[in-house]
PDB file of N, CA and C in Angstrom:
ATOM      1  N   MET A   1     -12.497 -26.974 102.404  1.00  0.00           N
ATOM      2  CA  MET A   1     -11.845 -26.637 103.653  1.00  0.00           C
ATOM      3  C   MET A   1     -11.524 -25.154 103.657  1.00  0.00           C
ATOM      4  N   GLU A   2     -11.752 -24.527 104.781  1.00  0.00           N
ATOM      5  CA  GLU A   2     -11.540 -23.111 104.913  1.00  0.00           C
ATOM      6  C   GLU A   2     -10.153 -22.839 105.491  1.00  0.00           C
ATOM      7  N   TYR A   3      -9.433 -21.897 104.907  1.00  0.00           N
ATOM      8  CA  TYR A   3      -8.096 -21.544 105.368  1.00  0.00           C
ATOM      9  C   TYR A   3      -8.188 -20.404 106.364  1.00  0.00           C
ATOM     10  N   ILE A   4      -7.520 -20.567 107.491  1.00  0.00           N
ATOM     11  CA  ILE A   4      -7.483 -19.517 108.502  1.00  0.00           C
ATOM     12  C   ILE A   4      -6.042 -19.072 108.650  1.00  0.00           C
ATOM     13  N   ASP A   5      -5.769 -17.806 108.416  1.00  0.00           N
ATOM     14  CA  ASP A   5      -4.426 -17.272 108.570  1.00  0.00           C
ATOM     15  C   ASP A   5      -4.233 -16.863 110.032  1.00  0.00           C
ATOM     16  N   ILE A   6      -3.279 -17.490 110.696  1.00  0.00           N
ATOM     17  CA  ILE A   6      -3.029 -17.219 112.109  1.00  0.00           C
ATOM     18  C   ILE A   6      -1.776 -16.355 112.209  1.00  0.00           C
ATOM     19  N   PRO A   7      -1.867 -15.165 112.848  1.00  0.00           N
ATOM     20  CA  PRO A   7      -0.682 -14.324 113.010  1.00  0.00           C
ATOM     21  C   PRO A   7       0.419 -15.064 113.772  1.00  0.00           C
ATOM     22  N   ASP A   8       1.667 -14.663 113.519  1.00  0.00           N
ATOM     23  CA  ASP A   8       2.822 -15.331 114.123  1.00  0.00           C
ATOM     24  C   ASP A   8       2.831 -15.283 115.643  1.00  0.00           C
ATOM     25  N   ASN A   9       2.237 -14.254 116.256  1.00  0.00           N
ATOM     26  CA  ASN A   9       2.303 -14.117 117.712  1.00  0.00           C
ATOM     27  C   ASN A   9       1.231 -14.934 118.433  1.00  0.00           C
ATOM     28  N   ILE A  10       0.411 -15.662 117.709  1.00  0.00           N
ATOM     29  CA  ILE A  10      -0.616 -16.517 118.318  1.00  0.00           C
ATOM     30  C   ILE A  10      -0.237 -17.970 118.062  1.00  0.00           C
ATOM     31  N   LYS A  11      -0.224 -18.750 119.135  1.00  0.00           N
ATOM     32  CA  LYS A  11       0.090 -20.167 118.988  1.00  0.00           C
ATOM     33  C   LYS A  11      -1.101 -20.879 118.352  1.00  0.00           C
ATOM     34  N   LYS A  12      -0.833 -21.785 117.441  1.00  0.00           N
ATOM     35  CA  LYS A  12      -1.911 -22.490 116.744  1.00  0.00           C
ATOM     36  C   LYS A  12      -2.784 -23.281 117.708  1.00  0.00           C
ATOM     37  N   GLU A  13      -2.217 -23.798 118.795  1.00  0.00           N
ATOM     38  CA  GLU A  13      -3.018 -24.570 119.744  1.00  0.00           C
ATOM     39  C   GLU A  13      -3.978 -23.681 120.545  1.00  0.00           C
ATOM     40  N   ASP A  14      -3.770 -22.356 120.522  1.00  0.00           N
ATOM     41  CA  ASP A  14      -4.659 -21.432 121.219  1.00  0.00           C
ATOM     42  C   ASP A  14      -5.877 -21.054 120.387  1.00  0.00           C
ATOM     43  N   VAL A  15      -5.851 -21.354 119.101  1.00  0.00           N
ATOM     44  CA  VAL A  15      -6.964 -21.019 118.216  1.00  0.00           C
ATOM     45  C   VAL A  15      -8.039 -22.086 118.355  1.00  0.00           C
ATOM     46  N   GLN A  16      -9.255 -21.637 118.657  1.00  0.00           N
ATOM     47  CA  GLN A  16     -10.360 -22.580 118.824  1.00  0.00           C
ATOM     48  C   GLN A  16     -10.991 -22.877 117.472  1.00  0.00           C
ATOM     49  N   THR A  17     -11.294 -24.146 117.283  1.00  0.00           N
ATOM     50  CA  THR A  17     -11.926 -24.547 116.031  1.00  0.00           C
ATOM     51  C   THR A  17     -13.107 -25.448 116.352  1.00  0.00           C
ATOM     52  N   GLY A  18     -13.924 -25.678 115.353  1.00  0.00           N
ATOM     53  CA  GLY A  18     -15.014 -26.630 115.485  1.00  0.00           C
ATOM     54  C   GLY A  18     -16.091 -26.202 116.454  1.00  0.00           C
ATOM     55  N   ASP A  19     -16.635 -27.206 117.163  1.00  0.00           N
ATOM     56  CA  ASP A  19     -17.770 -26.986 118.060  1.00  0.00           C
ATOM     57  C   ASP A  19     -17.489 -25.939 119.130  1.00  0.00           C
ATOM     58  N   LYS A  20     -16.312 -25.979 119.714  1.00  0.00           N
ATOM     59  CA  LYS A  20     -15.984 -25.037 120.792  1.00  0.00           C
ATOM     60  C   LYS A  20     -15.981 -23.595 120.283  1.00  0.00           C
ATOM     61  N   ALA A  21     -15.417 -23.385 119.120  1.00  0.00           N
ATOM     62  CA  ALA A  21     -15.387 -22.043 118.540  1.00  0.00           C
ATOM     63  C   ALA A  21     -16.787 -21.549 118.216  1.00  0.00           C
ATOM     64  N   ILE A  22     -17.616 -22.431 117.677  1.00  0.00           N
ATOM     65  CA  ILE A  22     -18.987 -22.038 117.337  1.00  0.00           C
ATOM     66  C   ILE A  22     -19.782 -21.741 118.599  1.00  0.00           C
ATOM     67  N   ASN A  23     -19.642 -22.570 119.642  1.00  0.00           N
ATOM     68  CA  ASN A  23     -20.343 -22.302 120.898  1.00  0.00           C
ATOM     69  C   ASN A  23     -19.913 -20.975 121.508  1.00  0.00           C
ATOM     70  N   ASN A  24     -18.628 -20.673 121.474  1.00  0.00           N
ATOM     71  CA  ASN A  24     -18.154 -19.386 121.994  1.00  0.00           C
ATOM     72  C   ASN A  24     -18.703 -18.232 121.170  1.00  0.00           C
ATOM     73  N   SER A  25     -18.755 -18.404 119.871  1.00  0.00           N
ATOM     74  CA  SER A  25     -19.300 -17.372 119.006  1.00  0.00           C
ATOM     75  C   SER A  25     -20.780 -17.124 119.303  1.00  0.00           C
ATOM     76  N   ILE A  26     -21.556 -18.210 119.434  1.00  0.00           N
ATOM     77  CA  ILE A  26     -22.985 -18.085 119.750  1.00  0.00           C
ATOM     78  C   ILE A  26     -23.170 -17.358 121.079  1.00  0.00           C
ATOM     79  N   ARG A  27     -22.407 -17.773 122.096  1.00  0.00           N
ATOM     80  CA  ARG A  27     -22.502 -17.158 123.422  1.00  0.00           C
ATOM     81  C   ARG A  27     -22.176 -15.661 123.350  1.00  0.00           C
ATOM     82  N   ASN A  28     -21.123 -15.319 122.627  1.00  0.00           N
ATOM     83  CA  ASN A  28     -20.738 -13.910 122.506  1.00  0.00           C
ATOM     84  C   ASN A  28     -21.808 -13.089 121.799  1.00  0.00           C
ATOM     85  N   ILE A  29     -22.384 -13.647 120.761  1.00  0.00           N
ATOM     86  CA  ILE A  29     -23.422 -12.927 120.015  1.00  0.00           C
ATOM     87  C   ILE A  29     -24.647 -12.697 120.894  1.00  0.00           C
ATOM     88  N   ILE A  30     -25.105 -13.742 121.583  1.00  0.00           N
ATOM     89  CA  ILE A  30     -26.298 -13.608 122.421  1.00  0.00           C
ATOM     90  C   ILE A  30     -26.044 -12.662 123.592  1.00  0.00           C
ATOM     91  N   ALA A  31     -24.874 -12.746 124.203  1.00  0.00           N
ATOM     92  CA  ALA A  31     -24.579 -11.967 125.410  1.00  0.00           C
ATOM     93  C   ALA A  31     -24.250 -10.502 125.132  1.00  0.00           C
ATOM     94  N   THR A  32     -23.930 -10.167 123.903  1.00  0.00           N
ATOM     95  CA  THR A  32     -23.532  -8.800 123.576  1.00  0.00           C
ATOM     96  C   THR A  32     -24.742  -7.984 123.135  1.00  0.00           C
ATOM     97  N   PRO A  33     -25.079  -6.953 123.906  1.00  0.00           N
ATOM     98  CA  PRO A  33     -26.188  -6.084 123.472  1.00  0.00           C
ATOM     99  C   PRO A  33     -25.804  -5.291 122.223  1.00  0.00           C
ATOM    100  N   VAL A  34     -26.730  -5.186 121.286  1.00  0.00           N
ATOM    101  CA  VAL A  34     -26.494  -4.381 120.089  1.00  0.00           C
ATOM    102  C   VAL A  34     -26.143  -2.957 120.522  1.00  0.00           C
ATOM    103  N   GLY A  35     -25.100  -2.415 119.909  1.00  0.00           N
ATOM    104  CA  GLY A  35     -24.686  -1.051 120.215  1.00  0.00           C
ATOM    105  C   GLY A  35     -23.630  -0.946 121.292  1.00  0.00           C
ATOM    106  N   SER A  36     -23.198  -2.055 121.864  1.00  0.00           N
ATOM    107  CA  SER A  36     -22.248  -1.995 122.978  1.00  0.00           C
ATOM    108  C   SER A  36     -20.792  -2.167 122.564  1.00  0.00           C
ATOM    109  N   VAL A  37     -20.533  -2.475 121.306  1.00  0.00           N
ATOM    110  CA  VAL A  37     -19.162  -2.673 120.852  1.00  0.00           C
ATOM    111  C   VAL A  37     -18.731  -1.450 120.042  1.00  0.00           C
ATOM    112  N   PRO A  38     -17.813  -0.639 120.587  1.00  0.00           N
ATOM    113  CA  PRO A  38     -17.350   0.531 119.843  1.00  0.00           C
ATOM    114  C   PRO A  38     -16.737   0.123 118.511  1.00  0.00           C
ATOM    115  N   GLY A  39     -17.083   0.820 117.479  1.00  0.00           N
ATOM    116  CA  GLY A  39     -16.564   0.524 116.163  1.00  0.00           C
ATOM    117  C   GLY A  39     -17.301  -0.591 115.437  1.00  0.00           C
ATOM    118  N   HIS A  40     -18.197  -1.251 116.141  1.00  0.00           N
ATOM    119  CA  HIS A  40     -18.981  -2.342 115.537  1.00  0.00           C
ATOM    120  C   HIS A  40     -20.379  -2.321 116.165  1.00  0.00           C
ATOM    121  N   PRO A  41     -21.101  -1.213 115.998  1.00  0.00           N
ATOM    122  CA  PRO A  41     -22.340  -0.995 116.751  1.00  0.00           C
ATOM    123  C   PRO A  41     -23.499  -1.935 116.427  1.00  0.00           C
ATOM    124  N   GLU A  42     -23.454  -2.648 115.317  1.00  0.00           N
ATOM    125  CA  GLU A  42     -24.558  -3.536 114.963  1.00  0.00           C
ATOM    126  C   GLU A  42     -24.360  -4.954 115.481  1.00  0.00           C
ATOM    127  N   PHE A  43     -23.174  -5.261 116.024  1.00  0.00           N
ATOM    128  CA  PHE A  43     -22.877  -6.616 116.489  1.00  0.00           C
ATOM    129  C   PHE A  43     -23.667  -6.948 117.752  1.00  0.00           C
ATOM    130  N   GLY A  44     -24.111  -8.194 117.860  1.00  0.00           N
ATOM    131  CA  GLY A  44     -24.776  -8.680 119.063  1.00  0.00           C
ATOM    132  C   GLY A  44     -26.220  -9.059 118.798  1.00  0.00           C
ATOM    133  N   SER A  45     -26.949  -9.215 119.895  1.00  0.00           N
ATOM    134  CA  SER A  45     -28.378  -9.535 119.787  1.00  0.00           C
ATOM    135  C   SER A  45     -29.174  -8.535 120.613  1.00  0.00           C
ATOM    136  N   GLY A  46     -30.449  -8.466 120.329  1.00  0.00           N
ATOM    137  CA  GLY A  46     -31.308  -7.516 121.019  1.00  0.00           C
ATOM    138  C   GLY A  46     -32.104  -8.116 122.159  1.00  0.00           C
ATOM    139  N   ILE A  47     -31.654  -9.251 122.715  1.00  0.00           N
ATOM    140  CA  ILE A  47     -32.462  -9.891 123.763  1.00  0.00           C
ATOM    141  C   ILE A  47     -32.476  -9.105 125.059  1.00  0.00           C
ATOM    142  N   SER A  48     -31.482  -8.265 125.298  1.00  0.00           N
ATOM    143  CA  SER A  48     -31.410  -7.545 126.574  1.00  0.00           C
ATOM    144  C   SER A  48     -32.626  -6.635 126.791  1.00  0.00           C
ATOM    145  N   LYS A  49     -33.260  -6.167 125.724  1.00  0.00           N
ATOM    146  CA  LYS A  49     -34.422  -5.290 125.894  1.00  0.00           C
ATOM    147  C   LYS A  49     -35.661  -6.033 126.381  1.00  0.00           C
ATOM    148  N   TYR A  50     -35.602  -7.381 126.392  1.00  0.00           N
ATOM    149  CA  TYR A  50     -36.743  -8.177 126.843  1.00  0.00           C
ATOM    150  C   TYR A  50     -36.516  -8.859 128.191  1.00  0.00           C
ATOM    151  N   LEU A  51     -35.338  -8.712 128.759  1.00  0.00           N
ATOM    152  CA  LEU A  51     -35.009  -9.476 129.959  1.00  0.00           C
ATOM    153  C   LEU A  51     -35.784  -9.048 131.196  1.00  0.00           C
ATOM    154  N   PHE A  52     -36.303  -7.843 131.222  1.00  0.00           N
ATOM    155  CA  PHE A  52     -37.071  -7.397 132.383  1.00  0.00           C
ATOM    156  C   PHE A  52     -38.567  -7.369 132.108  1.00  0.00           C
ATOM    157  N   GLU A  53     -38.956  -7.955 130.992  1.00  0.00           N
ATOM    158  CA  GLU A  53     -40.372  -8.046 130.640  1.00  0.00           C
ATOM    159  C   GLU A  53     -40.969  -9.324 131.222  1.00  0.00           C
ATOM    160  N   LEU A  54     -42.279  -9.332 131.344  1.00  0.00           N
ATOM    161  CA  LEU A  54     -42.980 -10.539 131.750  1.00  0.00           C
ATOM    162  C   LEU A  54     -42.749 -11.604 130.685  1.00  0.00           C
ATOM    163  N   LEU A  55     -42.349 -12.796 131.100  1.00  0.00           N
ATOM    164  CA  LEU A  55     -42.050 -13.856 130.140  1.00  0.00           C
ATOM    165  C   LEU A  55     -43.339 -14.566 129.740  1.00  0.00           C
ATOM    166  N   ASP A  56     -44.043 -13.957 128.801  1.00  0.00           N
ATOM    167  CA  ASP A  56     -45.264 -14.541 128.257  1.00  0.00           C
ATOM    168  C   ASP A  56     -44.954 -15.057 126.845  1.00  0.00           C
ATOM    169  N   PRO A  57     -45.915 -15.693 126.190  1.00  0.00           N
ATOM    170  CA  PRO A  57     -45.645 -16.239 124.846  1.00  0.00           C
ATOM    171  C   PRO A  57     -45.156 -15.193 123.838  1.00  0.00           C
ATOM    172  N   LEU A  58     -45.662 -13.972 123.921  1.00  0.00           N
ATOM    173  CA  LEU A  58     -45.214 -12.930 122.999  1.00  0.00           C
ATOM    174  C   LEU A  58     -43.742 -12.593 123.233  1.00  0.00           C
ATOM    175  N   THR A  59     -43.357 -12.416 124.489  1.00  0.00           N
ATOM    176  CA  THR A  59     -41.966 -12.102 124.814  1.00  0.00           C
ATOM    177  C   THR A  59     -41.039 -13.238 124.392  1.00  0.00           C
ATOM    178  N   GLU A  60     -41.475 -14.475 124.599  1.00  0.00           N
ATOM    179  CA  GLU A  60     -40.685 -15.624 124.155  1.00  0.00           C
ATOM    180  C   GLU A  60     -40.443 -15.572 122.650  1.00  0.00           C
ATOM    181  N   GLU A  61     -41.480 -15.269 121.886  1.00  0.00           N
ATOM    182  CA  GLU A  61     -41.344 -15.192 120.435  1.00  0.00           C
ATOM    183  C   GLU A  61     -40.435 -14.042 120.016  1.00  0.00           C
ATOM    184  N   LEU A  62     -40.511 -12.922 120.723  1.00  0.00           N
ATOM    185  CA  LEU A  62     -39.640 -11.787 120.413  1.00  0.00           C
ATOM    186  C   LEU A  62     -38.178 -12.132 120.687  1.00  0.00           C
ATOM    187  N   ILE A  63     -37.910 -12.819 121.791  1.00  0.00           N
ATOM    188  CA  ILE A  63     -36.542 -13.256 122.107  1.00  0.00           C
ATOM    189  C   ILE A  63     -36.045 -14.225 121.041  1.00  0.00           C
ATOM    190  N   LYS A  64     -36.885 -15.182 120.664  1.00  0.00           N
ATOM    191  CA  LYS A  64     -36.506 -16.150 119.629  1.00  0.00           C
ATOM    192  C   LYS A  64     -36.169 -15.435 118.316  1.00  0.00           C
ATOM    193  N   SER A  65     -36.996 -14.476 117.932  1.00  0.00           N
ATOM    194  CA  SER A  65     -36.747 -13.782 116.662  1.00  0.00           C
ATOM    195  C   SER A  65     -35.463 -12.955 116.724  1.00  0.00           C
ATOM    196  N   GLU A  66     -35.164 -12.371 117.885  1.00  0.00           N
ATOM    197  CA  GLU A  66     -33.901 -11.629 118.050  1.00  0.00           C
ATOM    198  C   GLU A  66     -32.706 -12.567 117.885  1.00  0.00           C
ATOM    199  N   ILE A  67     -32.798 -13.753 118.474  1.00  0.00           N
ATOM    200  CA  ILE A  67     -31.708 -14.725 118.378  1.00  0.00           C
ATOM    201  C   ILE A  67     -31.562 -15.221 116.942  1.00  0.00           C
ATOM    202  N   GLU A  68     -32.677 -15.540 116.303  1.00  0.00           N
ATOM    203  CA  GLU A  68     -32.625 -16.008 114.912  1.00  0.00           C
ATOM    204  C   GLU A  68     -32.005 -14.959 113.997  1.00  0.00           C
ATOM    205  N   TYR A  69     -32.404 -13.714 114.184  1.00  0.00           N
ATOM    206  CA  TYR A  69     -31.847 -12.626 113.367  1.00  0.00           C
ATOM    207  C   TYR A  69     -30.344 -12.483 113.596  1.00  0.00           C
ATOM    208  N   ALA A  70     -29.934 -12.500 114.880  1.00  0.00           N
ATOM    209  CA  ALA A  70     -28.511 -12.338 115.206  1.00  0.00           C
ATOM    210  C   ALA A  70     -27.675 -13.496 114.664  1.00  0.00           C
ATOM    211  N   MET A  71     -28.189 -14.714 114.780  1.00  0.00           N
ATOM    212  CA  MET A  71     -27.438 -15.876 114.280  1.00  0.00           C
ATOM    213  C   MET A  71     -27.343 -15.844 112.754  1.00  0.00           C
ATOM    214  N   ASP A  72     -28.420 -15.455 112.104  1.00  0.00           N
ATOM    215  CA  ASP A  72     -28.409 -15.362 110.647  1.00  0.00           C
ATOM    216  C   ASP A  72     -27.401 -14.312 110.179  1.00  0.00           C
ATOM    217  N   ARG A  73     -27.266 -13.272 110.953  1.00  0.00           N
ATOM    218  CA  ARG A  73     -26.371 -12.181 110.577  1.00  0.00           C
ATOM    219  C   ARG A  73     -24.917 -12.447 110.940  1.00  0.00           C
ATOM    220  N   TRP A  74     -24.684 -13.000 112.142  1.00  0.00           N
ATOM    221  CA  TRP A  74     -23.318 -13.075 112.665  1.00  0.00           C
ATOM    222  C   TRP A  74     -22.730 -14.487 112.757  1.00  0.00           C
ATOM    223  N   GLU A  75     -23.531 -15.511 112.703  1.00  0.00           N
ATOM    224  CA  GLU A  75     -23.009 -16.886 112.808  1.00  0.00           C
ATOM    225  C   GLU A  75     -23.590 -17.729 111.685  1.00  0.00           C
ATOM    226  N   ARG A  76     -23.028 -17.570 110.530  1.00  0.00           N
ATOM    227  CA  ARG A  76     -23.567 -18.226 109.335  1.00  0.00           C
ATOM    228  C   ARG A  76     -23.127 -19.678 109.187  1.00  0.00           C
ATOM    229  N   ARG A  77     -22.319 -20.172 110.120  1.00  0.00           N
ATOM    230  CA  ARG A  77     -21.897 -21.575 110.045  1.00  0.00           C
ATOM    231  C   ARG A  77     -22.977 -22.533 110.520  1.00  0.00           C
ATOM    232  N   ILE A  78     -24.053 -22.007 111.137  1.00  0.00           N
ATOM    233  CA  ILE A  78     -25.071 -22.894 111.710  1.00  0.00           C
ATOM    234  C   ILE A  78     -26.438 -22.670 111.075  1.00  0.00           C
ATOM    235  N   LYS A  79     -27.284 -23.685 111.222  1.00  0.00           N
ATOM    236  CA  LYS A  79     -28.692 -23.582 110.854  1.00  0.00           C
ATOM    237  C   LYS A  79     -29.485 -23.961 112.100  1.00  0.00           C
ATOM    238  N   ILE A  80     -30.317 -23.058 112.581  1.00  0.00           N
ATOM    239  CA  ILE A  80     -31.099 -23.291 113.792  1.00  0.00           C
ATOM    240  C   ILE A  80     -32.238 -24.254 113.483  1.00  0.00           C
ATOM    241  N   ILE A  81     -32.392 -25.255 114.355  1.00  0.00           N
ATOM    242  CA  ILE A  81     -33.506 -26.197 114.257  1.00  0.00           C
ATOM    243  C   ILE A  81     -34.671 -25.653 115.085  1.00  0.00           C
ATOM    244  N   THR A  82     -34.405 -25.356 116.348  1.00  0.00           N
ATOM    245  CA  THR A  82     -35.441 -24.809 117.224  1.00  0.00           C
ATOM    246  C   THR A  82     -34.796 -24.062 118.388  1.00  0.00           C
ATOM    247  N   ILE A  83     -35.568 -23.150 118.965  1.00  0.00           N
ATOM    248  CA  ILE A  83     -35.142 -22.408 120.149  1.00  0.00           C
ATOM    249  C   ILE A  83     -36.242 -22.532 121.188  1.00  0.00           C
ATOM    250  N   ASP A  84     -35.859 -22.920 122.401  1.00  0.00           N
ATOM    251  CA  ASP A  84     -36.801 -22.998 123.517  1.00  0.00           C
ATOM    252  C   ASP A  84     -36.405 -21.962 124.561  1.00  0.00           C
ATOM    253  N   ILE A  85     -37.391 -21.227 125.051  1.00  0.00           N
ATOM    254  CA  ILE A  85     -37.183 -20.254 126.120  1.00  0.00           C
ATOM    255  C   ILE A  85     -37.872 -20.803 127.358  1.00  0.00           C
ATOM    256  N   ILE A  86     -37.103 -20.959 128.437  1.00  0.00           N
ATOM    257  CA  ILE A  86     -37.629 -21.566 129.660  1.00  0.00           C
ATOM    258  C   ILE A  86     -37.419 -20.611 130.829  1.00  0.00           C
ATOM    259  N   SER A  87     -38.494 -20.348 131.550  1.00  0.00           N
ATOM    260  CA  SER A  87     -38.416 -19.504 132.734  1.00  0.00           C
ATOM    261  C   SER A  87     -37.949 -20.340 133.920  1.00  0.00           C
ATOM    262  N   ASP A  88     -36.927 -19.866 134.605  1.00  0.00           N
ATOM    263  CA  ASP A  88     -36.391 -20.540 135.797  1.00  0.00           C
ATOM    264  C   ASP A  88     -36.581 -19.584 136.976  1.00  0.00           C
ATOM    265  N   MET A  89     -37.793 -19.568 137.513  1.00  0.00           N
ATOM    266  CA  MET A  89     -38.144 -18.607 138.559  1.00  0.00           C
ATOM    267  C   MET A  89     -37.358 -18.814 139.851  1.00  0.00           C
ATOM    268  N   ASP A  90     -36.933 -20.051 140.134  1.00  0.00           N
ATOM    269  CA  ASP A  90     -36.158 -20.315 141.352  1.00  0.00           C
ATOM    270  C   ASP A  90     -34.860 -19.518 141.375  1.00  0.00           C
ATOM    271  N   TYR A  91     -34.264 -19.303 140.214  1.00  0.00           N
ATOM    272  CA  TYR A  91     -32.991 -18.588 140.125  1.00  0.00           C
ATOM    273  C   TYR A  91     -33.129 -17.224 139.446  1.00  0.00           C
ATOM    274  N   ASN A  92     -34.366 -16.792 139.207  1.00  0.00           N
ATOM    275  CA  ASN A  92     -34.644 -15.494 138.599  1.00  0.00           C
ATOM    276  C   ASN A  92     -33.872 -15.308 137.283  1.00  0.00           C
ATOM    277  N   ARG A  93     -34.033 -16.271 136.388  1.00  0.00           N
ATOM    278  CA  ARG A  93     -33.357 -16.200 135.104  1.00  0.00           C
ATOM    279  C   ARG A  93     -34.180 -16.924 134.034  1.00  0.00           C
ATOM    280  N   ILE A  94     -33.746 -16.747 132.820  1.00  0.00           N
ATOM    281  CA  ILE A  94     -34.325 -17.536 131.744  1.00  0.00           C
ATOM    282  C   ILE A  94     -33.231 -18.415 131.147  1.00  0.00           C
ATOM    283  N   LEU A  95     -33.657 -19.551 130.640  1.00  0.00           N
ATOM    284  CA  LEU A  95     -32.753 -20.461 129.950  1.00  0.00           C
ATOM    285  C   LEU A  95     -33.119 -20.430 128.475  1.00  0.00           C
ATOM    286  N   ILE A  96     -32.126 -20.295 127.651  1.00  0.00           N
ATOM    287  CA  ILE A  96     -32.327 -20.351 126.219  1.00  0.00           C
ATOM    288  C   ILE A  96     -31.668 -21.639 125.742  1.00  0.00           C
ATOM    289  N   LYS A  97     -32.469 -22.533 125.185  1.00  0.00           N
ATOM    290  CA  LYS A  97     -31.944 -23.774 124.613  1.00  0.00           C
ATOM    291  C   LYS A  97     -32.109 -23.686 123.103  1.00  0.00           C
ATOM    292  N   MET A  98     -30.988 -23.741 122.434  1.00  0.00           N
ATOM    293  CA  MET A  98     -31.021 -23.653 120.981  1.00  0.00           C
ATOM    294  C   MET A  98     -30.448 -24.953 120.417  1.00  0.00           C
ATOM    295  N   TYR A  99     -31.184 -25.545 119.507  1.00  0.00           N
ATOM    296  CA  TYR A  99     -30.742 -26.750 118.820  1.00  0.00           C
ATOM    297  C   TYR A  99     -30.399 -26.356 117.395  1.00  0.00           C
ATOM    298  N   TYR A 100     -29.228 -26.789 116.925  1.00  0.00           N
ATOM    299  CA  TYR A 100     -28.769 -26.379 115.603  1.00  0.00           C
ATOM    300  C   TYR A 100     -27.898 -27.462 114.981  1.00  0.00           C
ATOM    301  N   VAL A 101     -27.651 -27.299 113.703  1.00  0.00           N
ATOM    302  CA  VAL A 101     -26.687 -28.139 112.987  1.00  0.00           C
ATOM    303  C   VAL A 101     -25.660 -27.208 112.352  1.00  0.00           C
ATOM    304  N   ILE A 102     -24.466 -27.736 112.196  1.00  0.00           N
ATOM    305  CA  ILE A 102     -23.423 -26.999 111.490  1.00  0.00           C
ATOM    306  C   ILE A 102     -23.613 -27.275 109.999  1.00  0.00           C
ATOM    307  N   LYS A 103     -23.680 -26.232 109.224  1.00  0.00           N
ATOM    308  CA  LYS A 103     -24.032 -26.361 107.805  1.00  0.00           C
ATOM    309  C   LYS A 103     -23.085 -27.266 107.026  1.00  0.00           C
ATOM    310  N   ASN A 104     -21.798 -27.215 107.319  1.00  0.00           N
ATOM    311  CA  ASN A 104     -20.877 -28.039 106.522  1.00  0.00           C
ATOM    312  C   ASN A 104     -20.565 -29.380 107.181  1.00  0.00           C
ATOM    313  N   ASP A 105     -21.345 -29.784 108.180  1.00  0.00           N
ATOM    314  CA  ASP A 105     -21.180 -31.085 108.818  1.00  0.00           C
ATOM    315  C   ASP A 105     -21.885 -32.135 107.954  1.00  0.00           C
ATOM    316  N   PRO A 106     -21.151 -33.070 107.387  1.00  0.00           N
ATOM    317  CA  PRO A 106     -21.799 -34.057 106.518  1.00  0.00           C
ATOM    318  C   PRO A 106     -22.789 -34.963 107.255  1.00  0.00           C
ATOM    319  N   ASP A 107     -22.593 -35.159 108.566  1.00  0.00           N
ATOM    320  CA  ASP A 107     -23.500 -36.001 109.347  1.00  0.00           C
ATOM    321  C   ASP A 107     -24.750 -35.250 109.784  1.00  0.00           C
ATOM    322  N   ARG A 108     -24.712 -33.902 109.707  1.00  0.00           N
ATOM    323  CA  ARG A 108     -25.830 -33.054 110.140  1.00  0.00           C
ATOM    324  C   ARG A 108     -26.246 -33.381 111.581  1.00  0.00           C
ATOM    325  N   THR A 109     -25.244 -33.581 112.437  1.00  0.00           N
ATOM    326  CA  THR A 109     -25.479 -33.890 113.840  1.00  0.00           C
ATOM    327  C   THR A 109     -26.103 -32.688 114.535  1.00  0.00           C
ATOM    328  N   GLU A 110     -27.210 -32.912 115.225  1.00  0.00           N
ATOM    329  CA  GLU A 110     -27.874 -31.837 115.950  1.00  0.00           C
ATOM    330  C   GLU A 110     -27.117 -31.551 117.237  1.00  0.00           C
ATOM    331  N   ARG A 111     -26.879 -30.284 117.498  1.00  0.00           N
ATOM    332  CA  ARG A 111     -26.163 -29.860 118.691  1.00  0.00           C
ATOM    333  C   ARG A 111     -27.066 -28.995 119.551  1.00  0.00           C
ATOM    334  N   GLU A 112     -26.744 -28.955 120.848  1.00  0.00           N
ATOM    335  CA  GLU A 112     -27.532 -28.173 121.792  1.00  0.00           C
ATOM    336  C   GLU A 112     -26.652 -27.081 122.386  1.00  0.00           C
ATOM    337  N   PHE A 113     -27.192 -25.884 122.455  1.00  0.00           N
ATOM    338  CA  PHE A 113     -26.519 -24.761 123.088  1.00  0.00           C
ATOM    339  C   PHE A 113     -27.448 -24.241 124.174  1.00  0.00           C
ATOM    340  N   ILE A 114     -26.922 -24.040 125.385  1.00  0.00           N
ATOM    341  CA  ILE A 114     -27.735 -23.544 126.511  1.00  0.00           C
ATOM    342  C   ILE A 114     -27.118 -22.241 127.007  1.00  0.00           C
ATOM    343  N   TYR A 115     -27.958 -21.239 127.140  1.00  0.00           N
ATOM    344  CA  TYR A 115     -27.537 -19.935 127.653  1.00  0.00           C
ATOM    345  C   TYR A 115     -28.417 -19.576 128.824  1.00  0.00           C
ATOM    346  N   LYS A 116     -27.804 -19.270 129.956  1.00  0.00           N
ATOM    347  CA  LYS A 116     -28.539 -18.882 131.152  1.00  0.00           C
ATOM    348  C   LYS A 116     -28.286 -17.396 131.398  1.00  0.00           C
ATOM    349  N   THR A 117     -29.349 -16.672 131.622  1.00  0.00           N
ATOM    350  CA  THR A 117     -29.205 -15.252 131.899  1.00  0.00           C
ATOM    351  C   THR A 117     -30.047 -14.853 133.087  1.00  0.00           C
ATOM    352  N   ASN A 118     -29.564 -13.922 133.869  1.00  0.00           N
ATOM    353  CA  ASN A 118     -30.359 -13.374 134.973  1.00  0.00           C
ATOM    354  C   ASN A 118     -31.334 -12.360 134.413  1.00  0.00           C
ATOM    355  N   VAL A 119     -32.512 -12.335 134.994  1.00  0.00           N
ATOM    356  CA  VAL A 119     -33.514 -11.344 134.562  1.00  0.00           C
ATOM    357  C   VAL A 119     -33.813 -10.407 135.700  1.00  0.00           C
TER     358      VAL A 119
END
């Protein structure tokens, strides 16, 4: 079990744990362009450089590799099973569906994370 020290000015019920915390972490990592956080310039993912490119198989693979690299670096609580990139032309966006397991989950339950972005 991992110990988390919570400062006195934060209520314990406000601290997110488990699936919700991991989903928020994944969303923050994917949504944050590398270089956009002052004092932490390497944080985030590099998918923003591909959002205005033609969504062909090469671009899909580049987006997947950016996500895999970012998750390996910044979200070590999960193991990615697969990532699907889906073009949603009706809404001018792409959908990123990532299936993963939490490493310390004894049941190894597969979870789904969906990220929608405008292109």
